[in-house]
Amino acid sequence: MVFGPEAGEVVHLCSRSPSPERDDSAERRLAAATWARLRRELADDLLDGATDAVSPEDLASRGRALGQDPNRPYRAVVLRWTDTVLDDSFRDAVEAAARALLITCLTTRRDHAVVALAQRLDTEAFAYTAVWQTMHDLMTKAFPGGVGSMGIGGLAPTDRAIPRSYRQARQALRIRTKSLEADGVTNHDQLGVYGLVTNSEADDFVQEWLGPLLDYDQQHTTTELTETLAAYLTHTGVYSQTSNALNIHRSTLRYRLHSIRELLQHDLGEPEIRFNLQIATRIWQGSQHNR
């Protein structure tokens, strides 16, 4: 979509008798720009939710007028690409990639990211991360060289649920950007305990199982015992995979695990102990990503 003169075109602002073709082209560009602006404003209002100034009925009628189906569920998708200007051309590319997957979306820019409110007829496939991974692949081809991170929110069956889906998408994006592999897609539906909202009970559980490690790491800033335990449990106790994920030598991993056992006074080989520690470390990681 072009919002300005094409390359090499000369526009005579003072021409007394512009050609009908040029007038028609200008009108089309103006109509396209107006259409894009209205869709962007609708996206912003849907993300903010209904207010005293914007009623649910108003959002629904504007959506129908702009080609959206108010009866179809949405998903919020947040995209952040390093070394890339998130301008109109990027938003156009997002919408083109979505169309290739039979998805229609409203796009806007917020918090140094592009937000897409996506709708698709095939709501079952809509939930699969593979759909969004394909979208990521298409965007990577369009904007190679940068690190592309995408966060996918939960399904919003009504307009009222869109702000919640947006919050979930931002949480998923934070987890993705702070992970060992920032380039890729994180789907909130698959976060499990990572998606838990930190509350007093969750904090108590983390302190009960990880308190000595957290205190030790805070007092000794050069240690990473809590992160080491999390990686060890994620890789089911396989030394080679854990040391590779942490980028440390196996002997360093062995030393850290010895310290962890001494501090926690737990047998890491006990299935119930491992289960509780894994839940605790994942809640801890989720709280870290949300900061």
Protein backbone atom coordinates (compact mmCIF):
# COMPACT_ATOMS: atom_id res chain seq x y z
CA MET A 1 0.00 0.00 0.00
CA VAL A 2 1.51 3.33 -1.02
CA PHE A 3 0.68 6.48 0.88
CA GLY A 4 2.87 8.86 -1.09
CA PRO A 5 4.10 9.51 -4.62
CA GLU A 6 5.69 6.58 -6.34
CA ALA A 7 9.42 6.66 -7.01
CA GLY A 8 10.29 9.09 -9.77
CA GLU A 9 6.83 10.69 -9.91
CA VAL A 10 6.74 14.49 -10.01
CA VAL A 11 3.76 16.17 -8.35
CA HIS A 12 2.99 19.74 -9.54
CA LEU A 13 1.16 21.24 -6.58
CA CYS A 14 0.42 24.43 -8.51
CA SER A 15 -0.82 22.81 -11.69
CA ARG A 16 -3.95 24.58 -12.96
CA SER A 17 -5.50 21.56 -14.60
CA PRO A 18 -4.52 18.27 -12.93
CA SER A 19 -5.39 15.19 -14.90
CA PRO A 20 -8.45 13.15 -13.89
CA GLU A 21 -6.16 10.13 -13.43
CA ARG A 22 -4.02 12.00 -10.92
CA ASP A 23 -7.08 13.23 -9.01
CA ASP A 24 -8.42 9.68 -8.89
CA SER A 25 -5.08 8.37 -7.63
CA ALA A 26 -4.95 11.01 -4.90
CA GLU A 27 -8.49 10.15 -3.84
CA ARG A 28 -7.64 6.47 -3.66
CA ARG A 29 -4.59 7.20 -1.51
CA LEU A 30 -6.64 9.42 0.77
CA ALA A 31 -9.34 6.76 1.09
CA ALA A 32 -6.72 4.09 1.85
CA ALA A 33 -5.05 6.28 4.47
CA THR A 34 -8.43 7.04 6.08
CA TRP A 35 -9.36 3.35 6.10
CA ALA A 36 -6.02 2.45 7.72
CA ARG A 37 -6.40 5.18 10.34
CA LEU A 38 -9.93 4.06 11.27
CA ARG A 39 -8.80 0.45 11.64
CA ARG A 40 -5.84 1.53 13.77
CA GLU A 41 -8.13 3.61 16.01
CA LEU A 42 -10.50 0.66 16.36
CA ALA A 43 -7.60 -1.59 17.37
CA ASP A 44 -6.54 0.89 20.06
CA ASP A 45 -10.08 1.17 21.42
CA LEU A 46 -10.53 -2.62 21.49
CA LEU A 47 -7.24 -3.01 23.36
CA ASP A 48 -8.32 -0.43 25.93
CA GLY A 49 -11.78 -1.95 26.28
CA ALA A 50 -15.17 -0.31 26.52
CA THR A 51 -15.30 2.93 28.51
CA ASP A 52 -17.83 5.64 29.27
CA ALA A 53 -16.77 7.29 26.02
CA VAL A 54 -16.66 4.10 23.92
CA SER A 55 -19.54 1.63 24.32
CA PRO A 56 -19.50 -2.07 23.34
CA GLU A 57 -22.18 -1.31 20.76
CA ASP A 58 -19.99 1.37 19.21
CA LEU A 59 -17.02 -1.02 18.99
CA ALA A 60 -19.18 -3.69 17.37
CA SER A 61 -20.72 -1.35 14.77
CA ARG A 62 -17.34 0.14 13.87
CA GLY A 63 -15.89 -3.33 13.55
CA ARG A 64 -18.60 -4.42 11.13
CA ALA A 65 -18.13 -1.25 9.06
CA LEU A 66 -14.39 -1.98 8.84
CA GLY A 67 -14.75 -5.59 7.76
CA GLN A 68 -14.48 -7.30 11.15
CA ASP A 69 -16.92 -9.89 12.50
CA PRO A 70 -17.88 -9.02 16.12
CA ASN A 71 -19.11 -12.58 16.62
CA ARG A 72 -15.73 -14.11 15.81
CA PRO A 73 -13.13 -14.47 18.59
CA TYR A 74 -9.90 -12.48 18.60
CA ARG A 75 -6.37 -13.22 19.69
CA ALA A 76 -3.91 -10.49 20.56
CA VAL A 77 -0.49 -10.92 18.98
CA VAL A 78 2.48 -8.73 19.94
CA LEU A 79 5.53 -8.56 17.66
CA ARG A 80 8.91 -6.99 18.38
CA TRP A 81 11.75 -7.05 15.85
CA THR A 82 15.25 -5.81 16.62
CA ASP A 83 17.10 -3.63 14.10
CA THR A 84 13.79 -2.97 12.35
CA VAL A 85 11.71 0.19 12.10
CA LEU A 86 8.18 -0.72 13.12
CA ASP A 87 6.57 1.63 10.63
CA ASP A 88 3.60 1.28 8.29
CA SER A 89 5.54 -1.06 6.01
CA PHE A 90 6.10 -3.43 8.94
CA ARG A 91 2.42 -3.30 9.86
CA ASP A 92 1.52 -3.96 6.21
CA ALA A 93 3.83 -7.00 6.26
CA VAL A 94 2.15 -8.30 9.42
CA GLU A 95 -1.27 -8.03 7.81
CA ALA A 96 -0.01 -9.67 4.60
CA ALA A 97 1.50 -12.58 6.54
CA ALA A 98 -1.77 -12.97 8.42
CA ARG A 99 -3.81 -13.02 5.19
CA ALA A 100 -1.57 -15.81 3.87
CA LEU A 101 -2.74 -17.86 6.86
CA LEU A 102 -6.42 -16.96 6.38
CA ILE A 103 -6.25 -14.52 9.28
CA THR A 104 -7.57 -10.99 9.25
CA CYS A 105 -6.21 -8.52 11.72
CA LEU A 106 -6.28 -4.97 12.98
CA THR A 107 -2.84 -3.59 13.75
CA THR A 108 -1.45 -0.74 15.80
CA ARG A 109 1.80 0.23 17.53
CA ARG A 110 2.28 0.21 21.30
CA ASP A 111 5.27 0.06 23.66
CA HIS A 112 7.89 -0.36 20.93
CA ALA A 113 5.96 -3.24 19.38
CA VAL A 114 3.28 -3.92 16.79
CA VAL A 115 0.03 -5.35 18.13
CA ALA A 116 -2.28 -7.36 15.90
CA LEU A 117 -5.84 -8.27 16.84
CA ALA A 118 -6.32 -11.40 14.78
CA GLN A 119 -9.48 -13.21 13.72
CA ARG A 120 -9.72 -16.52 11.92
CA LEU A 121 -12.64 -18.72 10.91
CA ASP A 122 -10.79 -21.91 11.83
CA THR A 123 -10.69 -21.27 15.58
CA GLU A 124 -9.30 -24.73 16.40
CA ALA A 125 -6.17 -24.30 14.28
CA PHE A 126 -6.10 -20.73 15.54
CA ALA A 127 -4.87 -22.04 18.90
CA TYR A 128 -1.91 -23.97 17.54
CA THR A 129 1.52 -22.45 17.97
CA ALA A 130 2.45 -23.85 14.52
CA VAL A 131 0.17 -21.27 12.90
CA TRP A 132 2.00 -18.44 14.63
CA GLN A 133 5.39 -20.02 13.96
CA THR A 134 4.54 -19.93 10.26
CA MET A 135 3.64 -16.27 10.61
CA HIS A 136 7.00 -15.70 12.33
CA ASP A 137 8.76 -17.44 9.44
CA LEU A 138 7.01 -15.20 6.90
CA MET A 139 7.99 -12.07 8.85
CA THR A 140 11.58 -13.30 9.13
CA LYS A 141 11.74 -13.64 5.35
CA ALA A 142 10.36 -10.12 4.94
CA PHE A 143 12.71 -8.63 7.56
CA PRO A 144 15.86 -10.77 7.72
CA GLY A 145 18.73 -9.94 10.03
CA GLY A 146 16.77 -8.93 13.12
CA VAL A 147 15.67 -10.98 16.08
CA GLY A 148 11.91 -11.42 15.92
CA SER A 149 9.92 -12.14 19.07
CA MET A 150 6.18 -12.85 19.12
CA GLY A 151 3.82 -13.24 22.06
CA ILE A 152 0.38 -14.79 21.55
CA GLY A 153 -2.49 -14.05 23.93
CA GLY A 154 -5.35 -16.33 24.86
CA LEU A 155 -8.59 -16.53 22.91
CA ALA A 156 -10.94 -13.58 23.43
CA PRO A 157 -14.46 -14.85 22.68
CA THR A 158 -15.93 -11.35 23.06
CA ASP A 159 -14.67 -7.79 22.73
CA ARG A 160 -14.61 -7.50 26.52
CA ALA A 161 -11.95 -10.21 26.74
CA ILE A 162 -9.54 -8.48 24.32
CA PRO A 163 -7.68 -6.44 27.00
CA ARG A 164 -7.02 -9.69 28.88
CA SER A 165 -5.72 -11.38 25.72
CA TYR A 166 -3.47 -8.36 25.19
CA ARG A 167 -2.05 -8.62 28.72
CA GLN A 168 -1.38 -12.32 28.14
CA ALA A 169 0.33 -11.59 24.81
CA ARG A 170 2.60 -9.02 26.48
CA GLN A 171 3.46 -11.50 29.21
CA ALA A 172 4.25 -14.15 26.59
CA LEU A 173 6.41 -11.62 24.71
CA ARG A 174 8.36 -10.74 27.87
CA ILE A 175 9.04 -14.41 28.52
CA ARG A 176 10.18 -14.89 24.92
CA THR A 177 12.47 -11.84 24.83
CA LYS A 178 14.14 -12.80 28.13
CA SER A 179 14.60 -16.46 27.26
CA LEU A 180 17.80 -18.03 25.98
CA GLU A 181 16.34 -17.92 22.46
CA ALA A 182 14.56 -14.60 21.98
CA ASP A 183 13.89 -15.27 18.28
CA GLY A 184 10.63 -17.18 18.07
CA VAL A 185 7.07 -17.50 19.36
CA THR A 186 5.66 -17.94 22.86
CA ASN A 187 1.98 -18.87 23.11
CA HIS A 188 0.30 -17.98 26.41
CA ASP A 189 -1.96 -21.04 26.09
CA GLN A 190 1.13 -23.24 26.48
CA LEU A 191 2.81 -21.39 29.34
CA GLY A 192 1.29 -23.54 32.04
CA VAL A 193 2.59 -22.39 35.43
CA TYR A 194 4.63 -19.67 33.70
CA GLY A 195 1.31 -17.96 33.10
CA LEU A 196 0.35 -17.87 36.75
CA VAL A 197 -0.19 -14.42 38.13
CA THR A 198 2.07 -14.04 41.14
CA ASN A 199 0.05 -13.91 44.36
CA SER A 200 0.74 -14.42 48.06
CA GLU A 201 0.16 -18.20 47.92
CA ALA A 202 2.51 -18.57 44.96
CA ASP A 203 5.14 -16.45 46.74
CA ASP A 204 4.82 -18.59 49.85
CA PHE A 205 5.23 -21.77 47.80
CA VAL A 206 8.36 -20.42 46.10
CA GLN A 207 9.85 -19.34 49.43
CA GLU A 208 9.08 -22.70 50.99
CA TRP A 209 10.92 -24.65 48.30
CA LEU A 210 13.54 -22.20 47.01
CA GLY A 211 14.05 -19.76 49.89
CA PRO A 212 17.62 -20.85 50.80
CA LEU A 213 18.72 -20.70 47.14
CA LEU A 214 17.18 -17.28 46.57
CA ASP A 215 18.80 -15.92 49.73
CA TYR A 216 22.18 -17.36 48.77
CA ASP A 217 22.01 -15.96 45.23
CA GLN A 218 21.07 -12.54 46.60
CA GLN A 219 24.02 -12.54 48.99
CA HIS A 220 26.47 -13.92 46.41
CA THR A 221 25.80 -12.05 43.17
CA THR A 222 28.23 -14.24 41.22
CA THR A 223 26.21 -17.42 41.79
CA GLU A 224 23.22 -18.60 39.80
CA LEU A 225 22.05 -21.56 41.84
CA THR A 226 18.32 -20.98 41.35
CA GLU A 227 18.71 -20.67 37.57
CA THR A 228 20.94 -23.75 37.58
CA LEU A 229 18.32 -25.80 39.42
CA ALA A 230 15.62 -24.61 37.01
CA ALA A 231 17.69 -25.65 33.99
CA TYR A 232 18.61 -28.99 35.60
CA LEU A 233 14.95 -29.83 36.22
CA THR A 234 13.88 -28.62 32.76
CA HIS A 235 16.41 -30.98 31.16
CA THR A 236 15.29 -33.87 33.41
CA GLY A 237 18.65 -34.10 35.13
CA VAL A 238 20.71 -34.72 31.99
CA TYR A 239 24.11 -33.15 32.69
CA SER A 240 25.16 -32.56 29.09
CA GLN A 241 21.95 -30.78 28.12
CA THR A 242 21.91 -28.71 31.32
CA SER A 243 25.53 -27.59 31.03
CA ASN A 244 25.01 -26.69 27.36
CA ALA A 245 21.89 -24.66 28.17
CA LEU A 246 23.76 -22.75 30.91
CA ASN A 247 26.96 -22.53 28.87
CA ILE A 248 29.05 -23.89 31.74
CA HIS A 249 31.43 -26.84 32.17
CA ARG A 250 30.09 -30.11 33.56
CA SER A 251 32.39 -29.81 36.58
CA THR A 252 30.89 -26.37 37.34
CA LEU A 253 27.41 -27.84 37.07
CA ARG A 254 28.39 -30.69 39.41
CA TYR A 255 29.73 -28.22 41.97
CA ARG A 256 26.59 -26.07 41.79
CA LEU A 257 24.29 -29.08 42.23
CA HIS A 258 26.28 -30.11 45.30
CA SER A 259 25.74 -26.63 46.76
CA ILE A 260 22.04 -26.77 45.88
CA ARG A 261 21.59 -30.08 47.71
CA GLU A 262 23.43 -28.74 50.74
CA LEU A 263 21.30 -25.59 50.89
CA LEU A 264 17.91 -27.20 50.25
CA GLN A 265 18.50 -30.40 52.20
CA HIS A 266 16.39 -32.26 49.64
CA ASP A 267 17.05 -35.38 47.61
CA LEU A 268 16.72 -34.24 44.00
CA GLY A 269 16.17 -37.85 42.97
CA GLU A 270 12.85 -38.13 44.81
CA PRO A 271 9.98 -37.75 42.27
CA GLU A 272 7.72 -35.72 44.60
CA ILE A 273 10.60 -33.42 45.59
CA ARG A 274 11.54 -32.88 41.94
CA PHE A 275 7.92 -32.14 41.05
CA ASN A 276 7.51 -29.47 43.74
CA LEU A 277 10.88 -27.92 42.91
CA GLN A 278 9.99 -27.78 39.23
CA ILE A 279 6.70 -26.01 39.97
CA ALA A 280 8.50 -23.57 42.27
CA THR A 281 11.25 -22.79 39.77
CA ARG A 282 8.76 -22.21 36.99
CA ILE A 283 6.69 -19.84 39.10
CA TRP A 284 9.94 -18.06 40.02
CA GLN A 285 10.94 -17.81 36.35
CA GLY A 286 7.52 -16.43 35.47
CA SER A 287 7.84 -13.74 38.15
CA GLN A 288 11.31 -12.85 36.85
CA HIS A 289 10.01 -12.45 33.29
CA ASN A 290 7.16 -10.22 34.47
CA ARG A 291 9.49 -7.65 36.05
